[in-house]
Amino acid sequence: MKVAELMGAELDYWAGIADGLNVEIALSGECLLMDDNGDEICDEYSPSTNWEYGGPIIEREKITIEPNPYGQKQWGACHGPHGKEPTWIWKNAETALIAAMRCFVASKFGDDVPNEA
């Protein structure tokens, strides 16, 4: 699956995996944060829509979010692990949090993730 197309619970799931968290998508369609025993820690883990979860990732990873000067969408930019020199990974989205989480996921896994969410 293309990281640029991730939305909702799938994007939240992959952001959680990229952050080393134990997350899963519930039958209700929400991404849940789980403890090591498989018990639910919070009702919904949503870094792509909730600054409480996405904000610390943006700050820690030093993700830069800039408005797109050519349209209504936001741009998120972050350094990626490719090559010896840092590279910029640009992902656009309807909101700053979605763009930032796409950048975060792409910085860890590249442009594609498995369809396992």
C-alpha atoms as a PDB file:
ATOM      1  CA  MET A   1       0.000   0.000   0.000  1.00  0.00           C
ATOM      2  CA  LYS A   2       1.294   3.468  -0.847  1.00  0.00           C
ATOM      3  CA  VAL A   3       2.096   5.603   2.193  1.00  0.00           C
ATOM      4  CA  ALA A   4       0.808   8.642   0.269  1.00  0.00           C
ATOM      5  CA  GLU A   5      -2.647   6.992   0.229  1.00  0.00           C
ATOM      6  CA  LEU A   6      -2.830   5.965   3.901  1.00  0.00           C
ATOM      7  CA  MET A   7      -5.764   7.495   5.773  1.00  0.00           C
ATOM      8  CA  GLY A   8      -7.626   7.064   9.034  1.00  0.00           C
ATOM      9  CA  ALA A   9      -7.000   3.982  11.154  1.00  0.00           C
ATOM     10  CA  GLU A  10      -4.527   2.512   8.652  1.00  0.00           C
ATOM     11  CA  LEU A  11      -2.353   5.627   8.827  1.00  0.00           C
ATOM     12  CA  ASP A  12      -2.640   5.674  12.623  1.00  0.00           C
ATOM     13  CA  TYR A  13      -1.697   1.973  12.743  1.00  0.00           C
ATOM     14  CA  TRP A  14       1.435   2.476  10.641  1.00  0.00           C
ATOM     15  CA  ALA A  15       2.427   5.586  12.598  1.00  0.00           C
ATOM     16  CA  GLY A  16       2.134   3.516  15.768  1.00  0.00           C
ATOM     17  CA  ILE A  17       4.201   0.683  14.287  1.00  0.00           C
ATOM     18  CA  ALA A  18       6.819   3.227  13.120  1.00  0.00           C
ATOM     19  CA  ASP A  19       6.904   4.560  16.678  1.00  0.00           C
ATOM     20  CA  GLY A  20       7.465   1.081  18.119  1.00  0.00           C
ATOM     21  CA  LEU A  21       4.031   0.834  19.729  1.00  0.00           C
ATOM     22  CA  ASN A  22       1.736  -2.166  20.049  1.00  0.00           C
ATOM     23  CA  VAL A  23      -1.290  -1.083  18.014  1.00  0.00           C
ATOM     24  CA  GLU A  24      -4.075  -2.887  16.211  1.00  0.00           C
ATOM     25  CA  ILE A  25      -7.153  -2.031  14.230  1.00  0.00           C
ATOM     26  CA  ALA A  26     -10.341  -3.027  16.034  1.00  0.00           C
ATOM     27  CA  LEU A  27     -13.418  -4.501  14.374  1.00  0.00           C
ATOM     28  CA  SER A  28     -15.011  -1.087  14.906  1.00  0.00           C
ATOM     29  CA  GLY A  29     -12.402   0.361  12.524  1.00  0.00           C
ATOM     30  CA  GLU A  30     -10.423   2.358  15.095  1.00  0.00           C
ATOM     31  CA  CYS A  31      -6.720   2.043  15.791  1.00  0.00           C
ATOM     32  CA  LEU A  32      -6.192   0.993  19.401  1.00  0.00           C
ATOM     33  CA  LEU A  33      -3.086   1.294  21.549  1.00  0.00           C
ATOM     34  CA  MET A  34      -2.460  -1.975  23.399  1.00  0.00           C
ATOM     35  CA  ASP A  35      -0.235  -2.961  26.300  1.00  0.00           C
ATOM     36  CA  ASP A  36       2.167  -5.915  26.175  1.00  0.00           C
ATOM     37  CA  ASN A  37      -0.593  -8.270  27.370  1.00  0.00           C
ATOM     38  CA  GLY A  38      -2.846  -7.291  24.475  1.00  0.00           C
ATOM     39  CA  ASP A  39      -5.154  -5.204  26.652  1.00  0.00           C
ATOM     40  CA  GLU A  40      -6.476  -1.907  25.359  1.00  0.00           C
ATOM     41  CA  ILE A  41      -4.704   1.139  26.829  1.00  0.00           C
ATOM     42  CA  CYS A  42      -6.828   3.883  25.284  1.00  0.00           C
ATOM     43  CA  ASP A  43     -10.047   4.035  23.305  1.00  0.00           C
ATOM     44  CA  GLU A  44      -8.436   5.277  20.115  1.00  0.00           C
ATOM     45  CA  TYR A  45      -4.860   5.958  19.057  1.00  0.00           C
ATOM     46  CA  SER A  46      -5.107   8.617  16.364  1.00  0.00           C
ATOM     47  CA  PRO A  47      -1.913  10.604  15.692  1.00  0.00           C
ATOM     48  CA  SER A  48      -3.253  11.628  12.276  1.00  0.00           C
ATOM     49  CA  THR A  49      -6.189  13.509  13.840  1.00  0.00           C
ATOM     50  CA  ASN A  50      -5.251  14.162  17.472  1.00  0.00           C
ATOM     51  CA  TRP A  51      -2.404  16.543  18.335  1.00  0.00           C
ATOM     52  CA  GLU A  52      -2.052  14.823  21.734  1.00  0.00           C
ATOM     53  CA  TYR A  53      -0.609  11.815  19.893  1.00  0.00           C
ATOM     54  CA  GLY A  54       0.750  13.364  16.685  1.00  0.00           C
ATOM     55  CA  GLY A  55       2.319  16.467  18.246  1.00  0.00           C
ATOM     56  CA  PRO A  56       4.998  14.639  20.257  1.00  0.00           C
ATOM     57  CA  ILE A  57       5.988  12.614  17.173  1.00  0.00           C
ATOM     58  CA  ILE A  58       6.293  15.802  15.103  1.00  0.00           C
ATOM     59  CA  GLU A  59       8.385  17.477  17.796  1.00  0.00           C
ATOM     60  CA  ARG A  60      10.641  14.496  18.526  1.00  0.00           C
ATOM     61  CA  GLU A  61      11.222  13.663  14.841  1.00  0.00           C
ATOM     62  CA  LYS A  62      11.611  17.341  13.930  1.00  0.00           C
ATOM     63  CA  ILE A  63       9.021  17.084  11.183  1.00  0.00           C
ATOM     64  CA  THR A  64       8.530  20.319   9.309  1.00  0.00           C
ATOM     65  CA  ILE A  65       5.015  21.142   8.149  1.00  0.00           C
ATOM     66  CA  GLU A  66       4.567  23.816   5.520  1.00  0.00           C
ATOM     67  CA  PRO A  67       1.472  24.991   3.674  1.00  0.00           C
ATOM     68  CA  ASN A  68       1.339  24.133   0.003  1.00  0.00           C
ATOM     69  CA  PRO A  69       1.603  27.433  -1.892  1.00  0.00           C
ATOM     70  CA  TYR A  70      -0.141  25.888  -4.912  1.00  0.00           C
ATOM     71  CA  GLY A  71      -3.376  24.667  -3.352  1.00  0.00           C
ATOM     72  CA  GLN A  72      -5.499  23.998  -0.308  1.00  0.00           C
ATOM     73  CA  LYS A  73      -3.573  20.982   0.942  1.00  0.00           C
ATOM     74  CA  GLN A  74      -0.866  20.986   3.589  1.00  0.00           C
ATOM     75  CA  TRP A  75       2.660  19.700   3.090  1.00  0.00           C
ATOM     76  CA  GLY A  76       4.637  17.754   5.638  1.00  0.00           C
ATOM     77  CA  ALA A  77       8.364  17.300   5.330  1.00  0.00           C
ATOM     78  CA  CYS A  78      10.769  15.217   7.341  1.00  0.00           C
ATOM     79  CA  HIS A  79      14.236  13.794   7.003  1.00  0.00           C
ATOM     80  CA  GLY A  80      14.381  10.230   5.789  1.00  0.00           C
ATOM     81  CA  PRO A  81      16.931   7.491   6.424  1.00  0.00           C
ATOM     82  CA  HIS A  82      17.856   6.975   2.769  1.00  0.00           C
ATOM     83  CA  GLY A  83      21.543   7.266   1.874  1.00  0.00           C
ATOM     84  CA  LYS A  84      24.331   8.841   3.873  1.00  0.00           C
ATOM     85  CA  GLU A  85      22.982  12.365   3.579  1.00  0.00           C
ATOM     86  CA  PRO A  86      19.526  13.141   4.959  1.00  0.00           C
ATOM     87  CA  THR A  87      16.895  13.429   2.282  1.00  0.00           C
ATOM     88  CA  TRP A  88      13.612  15.257   2.373  1.00  0.00           C
ATOM     89  CA  ILE A  89      10.443  13.213   2.176  1.00  0.00           C
ATOM     90  CA  TRP A  90       7.470  15.275   1.085  1.00  0.00           C
ATOM     91  CA  LYS A  91       3.907  14.069   1.581  1.00  0.00           C
ATOM     92  CA  ASN A  92       0.860  16.185   0.960  1.00  0.00           C
ATOM     93  CA  ALA A  93      -2.514  15.788   2.611  1.00  0.00           C
ATOM     94  CA  GLU A  94      -5.691  17.587   3.562  1.00  0.00           C
ATOM     95  CA  THR A  95      -4.402  18.340   7.071  1.00  0.00           C
ATOM     96  CA  ALA A  96      -1.036  19.011   8.662  1.00  0.00           C
ATOM     97  CA  LEU A  97      -1.299  15.979  10.961  1.00  0.00           C
ATOM     98  CA  ILE A  98      -2.040  13.578   8.104  1.00  0.00           C
ATOM     99  CA  ALA A  99       0.876  14.987   6.094  1.00  0.00           C
ATOM    100  CA  ALA A 100       3.222  14.717   9.087  1.00  0.00           C
ATOM    101  CA  MET A 101       2.218  11.132   9.897  1.00  0.00           C
ATOM    102  CA  ARG A 102       2.663  10.117   6.246  1.00  0.00           C
ATOM    103  CA  CYS A 103       6.152  11.617   6.386  1.00  0.00           C
ATOM    104  CA  PHE A 104       6.910   9.796   9.614  1.00  0.00           C
ATOM    105  CA  VAL A 105       5.766   6.439   8.228  1.00  0.00           C
ATOM    106  CA  ALA A 106       7.651   6.979   4.950  1.00  0.00           C
ATOM    107  CA  SER A 107      10.828   7.890   6.856  1.00  0.00           C
ATOM    108  CA  LYS A 108      10.728   4.483   8.565  1.00  0.00           C
ATOM    109  CA  PHE A 109       9.383   2.206   5.804  1.00  0.00           C
ATOM    110  CA  GLY A 110       9.809   4.004   2.481  1.00  0.00           C
ATOM    111  CA  ASP A 111       6.972   4.748   0.060  1.00  0.00           C
ATOM    112  CA  ASP A 112       5.128   1.445   0.572  1.00  0.00           C
ATOM    113  CA  VAL A 113       3.913  -0.598   3.550  1.00  0.00           C
ATOM    114  CA  PRO A 114       2.440  -4.132   3.546  1.00  0.00           C
ATOM    115  CA  ASN A 115      -1.341  -4.537   3.487  1.00  0.00           C
ATOM    116  CA  GLU A 116      -1.360  -6.056   6.971  1.00  0.00           C
ATOM    117  CA  ALA A 117      -3.079  -3.375   9.033  1.00  0.00           C
END
